[in-house]
């Protein structure tokens, strides 16, 4: 498991900006392999 991003979740729905940041970091990581 690779931790890409962490934040404190204060409600049921995950903020869109947090999801986008994690997706960007995943793509960057996959590009390095």
C-alpha atoms as a PDB file:
ATOM      1  CA  UNK A   1       0.000   0.000   0.000  1.00  0.00           C
ATOM      2  CA  UNK A   2       1.223   3.482  -0.859  1.00  0.00           C
ATOM      3  CA  UNK A   3      -0.134   6.493   1.006  1.00  0.00           C
ATOM      4  CA  UNK A   4      -0.723   9.279  -1.527  1.00  0.00           C
ATOM      5  CA  UNK A   5      -2.607  11.809   0.563  1.00  0.00           C
ATOM      6  CA  UNK A   6      -4.145  12.127   4.008  1.00  0.00           C
ATOM      7  CA  UNK A   7      -6.708  14.480   5.507  1.00  0.00           C
ATOM      8  CA  UNK A   8      -9.223  14.616   8.337  1.00  0.00           C
ATOM      9  CA  UNK A   9     -12.663  13.672   7.084  1.00  0.00           C
ATOM     10  CA  UNK A  10     -15.309  15.740   8.857  1.00  0.00           C
ATOM     11  CA  UNK A  11     -18.411  14.494   7.039  1.00  0.00           C
ATOM     12  CA  UNK A  12     -19.648  11.509   5.023  1.00  0.00           C
ATOM     13  CA  UNK A  13     -18.670  12.811   1.568  1.00  0.00           C
ATOM     14  CA  UNK A  14     -15.037  13.121   0.504  1.00  0.00           C
ATOM     15  CA  UNK A  15     -14.307  16.588  -0.937  1.00  0.00           C
ATOM     16  CA  UNK A  16     -13.748  16.594  -4.707  1.00  0.00           C
ATOM     17  CA  UNK A  17     -10.512  18.566  -4.355  1.00  0.00           C
ATOM     18  CA  UNK A  18      -9.074  15.862  -2.078  1.00  0.00           C
ATOM     19  CA  UNK A  19      -9.954  13.130  -4.591  1.00  0.00           C
ATOM     20  CA  UNK A  20      -8.412  15.088  -7.471  1.00  0.00           C
ATOM     21  CA  UNK A  21      -5.170  15.644  -5.546  1.00  0.00           C
ATOM     22  CA  UNK A  22      -4.884  11.935  -4.748  1.00  0.00           C
ATOM     23  CA  UNK A  23      -5.565  11.022  -8.405  1.00  0.00           C
ATOM     24  CA  UNK A  24      -2.866  13.440  -9.602  1.00  0.00           C
ATOM     25  CA  UNK A  25      -0.337  11.940  -7.206  1.00  0.00           C
ATOM     26  CA  UNK A  26      -1.256   8.405  -8.277  1.00  0.00           C
ATOM     27  CA  UNK A  27      -0.737   9.295 -11.946  1.00  0.00           C
ATOM     28  CA  UNK A  28       2.625  10.904 -11.122  1.00  0.00           C
ATOM     29  CA  UNK A  29       3.695   7.795  -9.214  1.00  0.00           C
ATOM     30  CA  UNK A  30       2.593   5.452 -12.012  1.00  0.00           C
ATOM     31  CA  UNK A  31       4.525   7.556 -14.525  1.00  0.00           C
ATOM     32  CA  UNK A  32       7.768   7.015 -12.580  1.00  0.00           C
ATOM     33  CA  UNK A  33       7.539   3.213 -12.748  1.00  0.00           C
END
